[in-house]
Structures are given as structure tokens and as C-alpha cells.
Amino acid sequence: MRQIVSSIDDRDTHLCLRAEREFLRLLQGDCDSPVGVHARFVNGELELRTQVFGDGAAPKIAMGRGSDPEKLALNVFEKLEHDHEHN
């Protein structure tokens, strides 16, 4: 079964999905959360862009690039938290 699934799995799409899901997990968000998360490959590098909406304020925005989807999600999450604390 694993061999069949791996034969139809698109590596880039899978990595994007992992980054997006990890960011939502870190945020403790779900499909109903006011969050925009988009991962894509730019020049061979994984890019993650995020927007978090809430409380009628301007959205919190953060982005980053990297090769490891989980580390990238954590870096973007920490950047978002850091920027929020200093604004």
C-alpha cells in the first residue's frame, strides 16, 4: 500500500502541506480559524506566507523560506509571535 501511495504522492505538494499543517498546529488553529496559510516553492526553496486575523485589528503577517517544512513553520510562527509582542 505504501508503494502505491508513494507513486502518486507529489513531493513538493506534500512538503507544502506539511508546512501549512504544522503552522496551524503551532497556532492551535483548525479549518475554522481566521488564518491564511500558503506554502509554495520559489526558485527551489519552500516559502511559507501567513496571515492571522482577529479582534478587528490589522492581520498579523509573517513569511519565511527554508527547506524543512516543520522548522520553517516554527520559524514563521516564532517571527509572528515576536513581531506581535513588539507592536
PDB file of N, CA and C in Angstrom:
ATOM      1  N   MET A   1       0.824  -1.186   0.000  1.00  0.00           N
ATOM      2  CA  MET A   1       0.000   0.000   0.000  1.00  0.00           C
ATOM      3  C   MET A   1       0.874   1.257   0.000  1.00  0.00           C
ATOM      4  N   ARG A   2       1.905   1.278   0.826  1.00  0.00           N
ATOM      5  CA  ARG A   2       2.789   2.437   0.896  1.00  0.00           C
ATOM      6  C   ARG A   2       3.407   2.734  -0.466  1.00  0.00           C
ATOM      7  N   GLN A   3       3.773   1.686  -1.198  1.00  0.00           N
ATOM      8  CA  GLN A   3       4.380   1.857  -2.518  1.00  0.00           C
ATOM      9  C   GLN A   3       3.384   2.490  -3.490  1.00  0.00           C
ATOM     10  N   ILE A   4       2.143   2.100  -3.416  1.00  0.00           N
ATOM     11  CA  ILE A   4       1.114   2.668  -4.288  1.00  0.00           C
ATOM     12  C   ILE A   4       0.917   4.147  -3.974  1.00  0.00           C
ATOM     13  N   VAL A   5       0.790   4.469  -2.692  1.00  0.00           N
ATOM     14  CA  VAL A   5       0.596   5.860  -2.286  1.00  0.00           C
ATOM     15  C   VAL A   5       1.795   6.710  -2.679  1.00  0.00           C
ATOM     16  N   SER A   6       3.002   6.210  -2.447  1.00  0.00           N
ATOM     17  CA  SER A   6       4.193   6.995  -2.784  1.00  0.00           C
ATOM     18  C   SER A   6       4.316   7.224  -4.286  1.00  0.00           C
ATOM     19  N   SER A   7       3.752   6.343  -5.086  1.00  0.00           N
ATOM     20  CA  SER A   7       3.838   6.520  -6.538  1.00  0.00           C
ATOM     21  C   SER A   7       2.944   7.652  -7.042  1.00  0.00           C
ATOM     22  N   ILE A   8       1.929   8.032  -6.263  1.00  0.00           N
ATOM     23  CA  ILE A   8       1.055   9.129  -6.680  1.00  0.00           C
ATOM     24  C   ILE A   8       1.245  10.388  -5.836  1.00  0.00           C
ATOM     25  N   ASP A   9       2.143  10.352  -4.864  1.00  0.00           N
ATOM     26  CA  ASP A   9       2.412  11.494  -3.996  1.00  0.00           C
ATOM     27  C   ASP A   9       3.345  12.467  -4.706  1.00  0.00           C
ATOM     28  N   ASP A  10       2.948  13.742  -4.762  1.00  0.00           N
ATOM     29  CA  ASP A  10       3.807  14.777  -5.322  1.00  0.00           C
ATOM     30  C   ASP A  10       4.648  15.361  -4.189  1.00  0.00           C
ATOM     31  N   ARG A  11       5.956  15.220  -4.276  1.00  0.00           N
ATOM     32  CA  ARG A  11       6.865  15.617  -3.198  1.00  0.00           C
ATOM     33  C   ARG A  11       6.683  17.078  -2.803  1.00  0.00           C
ATOM     34  N   ASP A  12       6.672  17.998  -3.773  1.00  0.00           N
ATOM     35  CA  ASP A  12       6.561  19.421  -3.453  1.00  0.00           C
ATOM     36  C   ASP A  12       5.238  19.741  -2.762  1.00  0.00           C
ATOM     37  N   THR A  13       4.153  19.189  -3.273  1.00  0.00           N
ATOM     38  CA  THR A  13       2.845  19.412  -2.661  1.00  0.00           C
ATOM     39  C   THR A  13       2.819  18.859  -1.246  1.00  0.00           C
ATOM     40  N   HIS A  14       3.415  17.700  -1.048  1.00  0.00           N
ATOM     41  CA  HIS A  14       3.468  17.078   0.279  1.00  0.00           C
ATOM     42  C   HIS A  14       4.239  17.959   1.267  1.00  0.00           C
ATOM     43  N   LEU A  15       5.367  18.512   0.844  1.00  0.00           N
ATOM     44  CA  LEU A  15       6.157  19.382   1.719  1.00  0.00           C
ATOM     45  C   LEU A  15       5.399  20.665   2.045  1.00  0.00           C
ATOM     46  N   CYS A  16       4.703  21.229   1.063  1.00  0.00           N
ATOM     47  CA  CYS A  16       3.890  22.423   1.308  1.00  0.00           C
ATOM     48  C   CYS A  16       2.798  22.124   2.327  1.00  0.00           C
ATOM     49  N   LEU A  17       2.144  21.010   2.157  1.00  0.00           N
ATOM     50  CA  LEU A  17       1.087  20.595   3.073  1.00  0.00           C
ATOM     51  C   LEU A  17       1.622  20.439   4.494  1.00  0.00           C
ATOM     52  N   ARG A  18       2.780  19.832   4.637  1.00  0.00           N
ATOM     53  CA  ARG A  18       3.374  19.649   5.968  1.00  0.00           C
ATOM     54  C   ARG A  18       3.663  20.993   6.630  1.00  0.00           C
ATOM     55  N   ALA A  19       4.187  21.960   5.882  1.00  0.00           N
ATOM     56  CA  ALA A  19       4.485  23.281   6.445  1.00  0.00           C
ATOM     57  C   ALA A  19       3.200  23.983   6.876  1.00  0.00           C
ATOM     58  N   GLU A  20       2.182  23.951   6.025  1.00  0.00           N
ATOM     59  CA  GLU A  20       0.917  24.610   6.348  1.00  0.00           C
ATOM     60  C   GLU A  20       0.254  23.980   7.570  1.00  0.00           C
ATOM     61  N   ARG A  21       0.225  22.669   7.619  1.00  0.00           N
ATOM     62  CA  ARG A  21      -0.411  21.979   8.755  1.00  0.00           C
ATOM     63  C   ARG A  21       0.361  22.197  10.054  1.00  0.00           C
ATOM     64  N   GLU A  22       1.679  22.218   9.971  1.00  0.00           N
ATOM     65  CA  GLU A  22       2.475  22.442  11.180  1.00  0.00           C
ATOM     66  C   GLU A  22       2.245  23.850  11.713  1.00  0.00           C
ATOM     67  N   PHE A  23       2.154  24.837  10.832  1.00  0.00           N
ATOM     68  CA  PHE A  23       1.878  26.199  11.293  1.00  0.00           C
ATOM     69  C   PHE A  23       0.526  26.249  12.002  1.00  0.00           C
ATOM     70  N   LEU A  24      -0.493  25.644  11.413  1.00  0.00           N
ATOM     71  CA  LEU A  24      -1.811  25.613  12.056  1.00  0.00           C
ATOM     72  C   LEU A  24      -1.761  24.892  13.398  1.00  0.00           C
ATOM     73  N   ARG A  25      -1.001  23.819  13.475  1.00  0.00           N
ATOM     74  CA  ARG A  25      -0.870  23.085  14.744  1.00  0.00           C
ATOM     75  C   ARG A  25      -0.236  23.971  15.809  1.00  0.00           C
ATOM     76  N   LEU A  26       0.840  24.683  15.446  1.00  0.00           N
ATOM     77  CA  LEU A  26       1.513  25.565  16.394  1.00  0.00           C
ATOM     78  C   LEU A  26       0.592  26.686  16.867  1.00  0.00           C
ATOM     79  N   LEU A  27      -0.243  27.153  15.960  1.00  0.00           N
ATOM     80  CA  LEU A  27      -1.188  28.224  16.280  1.00  0.00           C
ATOM     81  C   LEU A  27      -2.406  27.689  17.034  1.00  0.00           C
ATOM     82  N   GLN A  28      -2.516  26.379  17.131  1.00  0.00           N
ATOM     83  CA  GLN A  28      -3.678  25.697  17.694  1.00  0.00           C
ATOM     84  C   GLN A  28      -4.931  26.081  16.906  1.00  0.00           C
ATOM     85  N   GLY A  29      -4.754  26.150  15.590  1.00  0.00           N
ATOM     86  CA  GLY A  29      -5.849  26.509  14.699  1.00  0.00           C
ATOM     87  C   GLY A  29      -6.408  25.297  13.993  1.00  0.00           C
ATOM     88  N   ASP A  30      -7.516  25.534  13.299  1.00  0.00           N
ATOM     89  CA  ASP A  30      -8.137  24.482  12.501  1.00  0.00           C
ATOM     90  C   ASP A  30      -8.747  25.115  11.260  1.00  0.00           C
ATOM     91  N   CYS A  31      -9.565  24.373  10.566  1.00  0.00           N
ATOM     92  CA  CYS A  31     -10.150  24.861   9.309  1.00  0.00           C
ATOM     93  C   CYS A  31     -11.109  26.027   9.513  1.00  0.00           C
ATOM     94  N   ASP A  32     -11.571  26.242  10.741  1.00  0.00           N
ATOM     95  CA  ASP A  32     -12.488  27.346  11.025  1.00  0.00           C
ATOM     96  C   ASP A  32     -11.780  28.564  11.607  1.00  0.00           C
ATOM     97  N   SER A  33     -10.469  28.505  11.785  1.00  0.00           N
ATOM     98  CA  SER A  33      -9.707  29.618  12.357  1.00  0.00           C
ATOM     99  C   SER A  33      -9.519  30.717  11.314  1.00  0.00           C
ATOM    100  N   PRO A  34      -9.524  31.986  11.765  1.00  0.00           N
ATOM    101  CA  PRO A  34      -9.319  33.099  10.833  1.00  0.00           C
ATOM    102  C   PRO A  34      -7.838  33.256  10.475  1.00  0.00           C
ATOM    103  N   VAL A  35      -7.346  32.301   9.706  1.00  0.00           N
ATOM    104  CA  VAL A  35      -5.924  32.226   9.378  1.00  0.00           C
ATOM    105  C   VAL A  35      -5.775  31.943   7.888  1.00  0.00           C
ATOM    106  N   GLY A  36      -4.814  32.608   7.275  1.00  0.00           N
ATOM    107  CA  GLY A  36      -4.439  32.291   5.905  1.00  0.00           C
ATOM    108  C   GLY A  36      -3.025  31.743   5.912  1.00  0.00           C
ATOM    109  N   VAL A  37      -2.828  30.579   5.345  1.00  0.00           N
ATOM    110  CA  VAL A  37      -1.504  29.949   5.293  1.00  0.00           C
ATOM    111  C   VAL A  37      -1.290  29.431   3.878  1.00  0.00           C
ATOM    112  N   HIS A  38      -0.181  29.820   3.274  1.00  0.00           N
ATOM    113  CA  HIS A  38       0.090  29.370   1.908  1.00  0.00           C
ATOM    114  C   HIS A  38       1.566  29.026   1.774  1.00  0.00           C
ATOM    115  N   ALA A  39       1.837  27.801   1.386  1.00  0.00           N
ATOM    116  CA  ALA A  39       3.214  27.361   1.134  1.00  0.00           C
ATOM    117  C   ALA A  39       3.361  27.086  -0.352  1.00  0.00           C
ATOM    118  N   ARG A  40       4.532  27.397  -0.880  1.00  0.00           N
ATOM    119  CA  ARG A  40       4.833  27.132  -2.286  1.00  0.00           C
ATOM    120  C   ARG A  40       6.341  27.088  -2.451  1.00  0.00           C
ATOM    121  N   PHE A  41       6.780  26.591  -3.585  1.00  0.00           N
ATOM    122  CA  PHE A  41       8.205  26.581  -3.888  1.00  0.00           C
ATOM    123  C   PHE A  41       8.530  27.773  -4.776  1.00  0.00           C
ATOM    124  N   VAL A  42       9.569  28.521  -4.384  1.00  0.00           N
ATOM    125  CA  VAL A  42      10.063  29.659  -5.148  1.00  0.00           C
ATOM    126  C   VAL A  42      11.543  29.424  -5.397  1.00  0.00           C
ATOM    127  N   ASN A  43      11.914  29.297  -6.653  1.00  0.00           N
ATOM    128  CA  ASN A  43      13.313  29.031  -7.024  1.00  0.00           C
ATOM    129  C   ASN A  43      13.884  27.837  -6.261  1.00  0.00           C
ATOM    130  N   GLY A  44      13.082  26.796  -6.122  1.00  0.00           N
ATOM    131  CA  GLY A  44      13.529  25.570  -5.477  1.00  0.00           C
ATOM    132  C   GLY A  44      13.527  25.595  -3.965  1.00  0.00           C
ATOM    133  N   GLU A  45      13.047  26.690  -3.367  1.00  0.00           N
ATOM    134  CA  GLU A  45      13.040  26.815  -1.909  1.00  0.00           C
ATOM    135  C   GLU A  45      11.597  26.938  -1.417  1.00  0.00           C
ATOM    136  N   LEU A  46      11.300  26.282  -0.311  1.00  0.00           N
ATOM    137  CA  LEU A  46       9.963  26.313   0.268  1.00  0.00           C
ATOM    138  C   LEU A  46       9.720  27.673   0.918  1.00  0.00           C
ATOM    139  N   GLU A  47       8.599  28.300   0.566  1.00  0.00           N
ATOM    140  CA  GLU A  47       8.216  29.597   1.125  1.00  0.00           C
ATOM    141  C   GLU A  47       6.881  29.434   1.828  1.00  0.00           C
ATOM    142  N   LEU A  48       6.767  30.015   3.023  1.00  0.00           N
ATOM    143  CA  LEU A  48       5.526  29.959   3.794  1.00  0.00           C
ATOM    144  C   LEU A  48       5.093  31.381   4.120  1.00  0.00           C
ATOM    145  N   ARG A  49       3.879  31.735   3.705  1.00  0.00           N
ATOM    146  CA  ARG A  49       3.297  33.050   3.993  1.00  0.00           C
ATOM    147  C   ARG A  49       2.065  32.840   4.867  1.00  0.00           C
ATOM    148  N   THR A  50       1.928  33.681   5.897  1.00  0.00           N
ATOM    149  CA  THR A  50       0.809  33.523   6.822  1.00  0.00           C
ATOM    150  C   THR A  50       0.170  34.867   7.139  1.00  0.00           C
ATOM    151  N   GLN A  51      -1.123  34.824   7.418  1.00  0.00           N
ATOM    152  CA  GLN A  51      -1.874  35.964   7.931  1.00  0.00           C
ATOM    153  C   GLN A  51      -2.804  35.432   9.009  1.00  0.00           C
ATOM    154  N   VAL A  52      -2.788  36.101  10.157  1.00  0.00           N
ATOM    155  CA  VAL A  52      -3.672  35.716  11.250  1.00  0.00           C
ATOM    156  C   VAL A  52      -4.577  36.907  11.538  1.00  0.00           C
ATOM    157  N   PHE A  53      -5.881  36.681  11.452  1.00  0.00           N
ATOM    158  CA  PHE A  53      -6.865  37.734  11.648  1.00  0.00           C
ATOM    159  C   PHE A  53      -7.523  37.568  13.011  1.00  0.00           C
ATOM    160  N   GLY A  54      -8.016  38.676  13.554  1.00  0.00           N
ATOM    161  CA  GLY A  54      -8.753  38.578  14.802  1.00  0.00           C
ATOM    162  C   GLY A  54      -8.878  39.904  15.504  1.00  0.00           C
ATOM    163  N   ASP A  55      -9.845  40.014  16.377  1.00  0.00           N
ATOM    164  CA  ASP A  55     -10.071  41.169  17.238  1.00  0.00           C
ATOM    165  C   ASP A  55     -10.243  42.481  16.477  1.00  0.00           C
ATOM    166  N   GLY A  56     -10.616  42.443  15.217  1.00  0.00           N
ATOM    167  CA  GLY A  56     -10.844  43.661  14.458  1.00  0.00           C
ATOM    168  C   GLY A  56      -9.592  44.453  14.138  1.00  0.00           C
ATOM    169  N   ALA A  57      -8.441  43.973  14.556  1.00  0.00           N
ATOM    170  CA  ALA A  57      -7.175  44.659  14.288  1.00  0.00           C
ATOM    171  C   ALA A  57      -6.645  44.230  12.923  1.00  0.00           C
ATOM    172  N   ALA A  58      -5.601  44.902  12.491  1.00  0.00           N
ATOM    173  CA  ALA A  58      -4.947  44.518  11.239  1.00  0.00           C
ATOM    174  C   ALA A  58      -4.403  43.100  11.374  1.00  0.00           C
ATOM    175  N   PRO A  59      -4.393  42.349  10.299  1.00  0.00           N
ATOM    176  CA  PRO A  59      -3.878  40.972  10.385  1.00  0.00           C
ATOM    177  C   PRO A  59      -2.392  40.951  10.720  1.00  0.00           C
ATOM    178  N   LYS A  60      -1.991  39.929  11.458  1.00  0.00           N
ATOM    179  CA  LYS A  60      -0.567  39.700  11.723  1.00  0.00           C
ATOM    180  C   LYS A  60      -0.031  38.893  10.545  1.00  0.00           C
ATOM    181  N   ILE A  61       1.048  39.376   9.949  1.00  0.00           N
ATOM    182  CA  ILE A  61       1.596  38.760   8.742  1.00  0.00           C
ATOM    183  C   ILE A  61       3.038  38.344   8.990  1.00  0.00           C
ATOM    184  N   ALA A  62       3.393  37.153   8.538  1.00  0.00           N
ATOM    185  CA  ALA A  62       4.786  36.686   8.628  1.00  0.00           C
ATOM    186  C   ALA A  62       5.054  35.742   7.466  1.00  0.00           C
ATOM    187  N   MET A  63       6.305  35.683   7.058  1.00  0.00           N
ATOM    188  CA  MET A  63       6.703  34.754   5.998  1.00  0.00           C
ATOM    189  C   MET A  63       8.141  34.351   6.211  1.00  0.00           C
ATOM    190  N   GLY A  64       8.502  33.256   5.574  1.00  0.00           N
ATOM    191  CA  GLY A  64       9.871  32.774   5.655  1.00  0.00           C
ATOM    192  C   GLY A  64      10.127  31.746   4.572  1.00  0.00           C
ATOM    193  N   ARG A  65      11.399  31.398   4.439  1.00  0.00           N
ATOM    194  CA  ARG A  65      11.809  30.376   3.466  1.00  0.00           C
ATOM    195  C   ARG A  65      12.753  29.396   4.136  1.00  0.00           C
ATOM    196  N   GLY A  66      12.731  28.171   3.654  1.00  0.00           N
ATOM    197  CA  GLY A  66      13.609  27.143   4.186  1.00  0.00           C
ATOM    198  C   GLY A  66      13.423  25.846   3.431  1.00  0.00           C
ATOM    199  N   SER A  67      14.076  24.806   3.925  1.00  0.00           N
ATOM    200  CA  SER A  67      13.981  23.511   3.251  1.00  0.00           C
ATOM    201  C   SER A  67      13.207  22.480   4.068  1.00  0.00           C
ATOM    202  N   ASP A  68      13.200  22.617   5.384  1.00  0.00           N
ATOM    203  CA  ASP A  68      12.497  21.681   6.256  1.00  0.00           C
ATOM    204  C   ASP A  68      11.129  22.269   6.611  1.00  0.00           C
ATOM    205  N   PRO A  69      10.028  21.615   6.240  1.00  0.00           N
ATOM    206  CA  PRO A  69       8.706  22.209   6.442  1.00  0.00           C
ATOM    207  C   PRO A  69       8.349  22.485   7.900  1.00  0.00           C
ATOM    208  N   GLU A  70       8.697  21.579   8.797  1.00  0.00           N
ATOM    209  CA  GLU A  70       8.362  21.789  10.205  1.00  0.00           C
ATOM    210  C   GLU A  70       9.199  22.910  10.819  1.00  0.00           C
ATOM    211  N   LYS A  71      10.481  22.954  10.504  1.00  0.00           N
ATOM    212  CA  LYS A  71      11.332  24.041  11.013  1.00  0.00           C
ATOM    213  C   LYS A  71      10.895  25.381  10.445  1.00  0.00           C
ATOM    214  N   LEU A  72      10.528  25.393   9.173  1.00  0.00           N
ATOM    215  CA  LEU A  72      10.052  26.624   8.547  1.00  0.00           C
ATOM    216  C   LEU A  72       8.788  27.118   9.236  1.00  0.00           C
ATOM    217  N   ALA A  73       7.849  26.227   9.487  1.00  0.00           N
ATOM    218  CA  ALA A  73       6.611  26.610  10.172  1.00  0.00           C
ATOM    219  C   ALA A  73       6.909  27.173  11.550  1.00  0.00           C
ATOM    220  N   LEU A  74       7.820  26.553  12.277  1.00  0.00           N
ATOM    221  CA  LEU A  74       8.189  27.043  13.602  1.00  0.00           C
ATOM    222  C   LEU A  74       8.844  28.415  13.507  1.00  0.00           C
ATOM    223  N   ASN A  75       9.742  28.609  12.556  1.00  0.00           N
ATOM    224  CA  ASN A  75      10.403  29.905  12.388  1.00  0.00           C
ATOM    225  C   ASN A  75       9.398  31.007  12.074  1.00  0.00           C
ATOM    226  N   VAL A  76       8.454  30.729  11.184  1.00  0.00           N
ATOM    227  CA  VAL A  76       7.442  31.728  10.827  1.00  0.00           C
ATOM    228  C   VAL A  76       6.525  31.991  12.018  1.00  0.00           C
ATOM    229  N   PHE A  77       6.149  30.955  12.745  1.00  0.00           N
ATOM    230  CA  PHE A  77       5.317  31.115  13.938  1.00  0.00           C
ATOM    231  C   PHE A  77       6.030  31.986  14.971  1.00  0.00           C
ATOM    232  N   GLU A  78       7.305  31.705  15.219  1.00  0.00           N
ATOM    233  CA  GLU A  78       8.065  32.490  16.195  1.00  0.00           C
ATOM    234  C   GLU A  78       8.227  33.936  15.736  1.00  0.00           C
ATOM    235  N   LYS A  79       8.424  34.148  14.443  1.00  0.00           N
ATOM    236  CA  LYS A  79       8.517  35.505  13.906  1.00  0.00           C
ATOM    237  C   LYS A  79       7.201  36.250  14.128  1.00  0.00           C
ATOM    238  N   LEU A  80       6.099  35.584  13.890  1.00  0.00           N
ATOM    239  CA  LEU A  80       4.783  36.178  14.087  1.00  0.00           C
ATOM    240  C   LEU A  80       4.582  36.559  15.548  1.00  0.00           C
ATOM    241  N   GLU A  81       4.930  35.666  16.449  1.00  0.00           N
ATOM    242  CA  GLU A  81       4.799  35.932  17.883  1.00  0.00           C
ATOM    243  C   GLU A  81       5.722  37.071  18.313  1.00  0.00           C
ATOM    244  N   HIS A  82       6.960  37.070  17.830  1.00  0.00           N
ATOM    245  CA  HIS A  82       7.929  38.110  18.173  1.00  0.00           C
ATOM    246  C   HIS A  82       7.452  39.470  17.681  1.00  0.00           C
ATOM    247  N   ASP A  83       7.012  39.534  16.433  1.00  0.00           N
ATOM    248  CA  ASP A  83       6.533  40.796  15.870  1.00  0.00           C
ATOM    249  C   ASP A  83       5.305  41.291  16.615  1.00  0.00           C
ATOM    250  N   HIS A  84       4.428  40.383  17.013  1.00  0.00           N
ATOM    251  CA  HIS A  84       3.217  40.752  17.747  1.00  0.00           C
ATOM    252  C   HIS A  84       3.572  41.321  19.122  1.00  0.00           C
ATOM    253  N   GLU A  85       4.569  40.754  19.784  1.00  0.00           N
ATOM    254  CA  GLU A  85       4.981  41.228  21.106  1.00  0.00           C
ATOM    255  C   GLU A  85       5.606  42.614  21.043  1.00  0.00           C
ATOM    256  N   HIS A  86       6.207  42.964  19.914  1.00  0.00           N
ATOM    257  CA  HIS A  86       6.918  44.237  19.791  1.00  0.00           C
ATOM    258  C   HIS A  86       6.126  45.293  19.028  1.00  0.00           C
ATOM    259  N   ASN A  87       4.845  45.065  18.840  1.00  0.00           N
ATOM    260  CA  ASN A  87       3.984  46.070  18.179  1.00  0.00           C
ATOM    261  C   ASN A  87       2.869  46.492  19.090  1.00  0.00           C
TER     262      ASN A  87
END
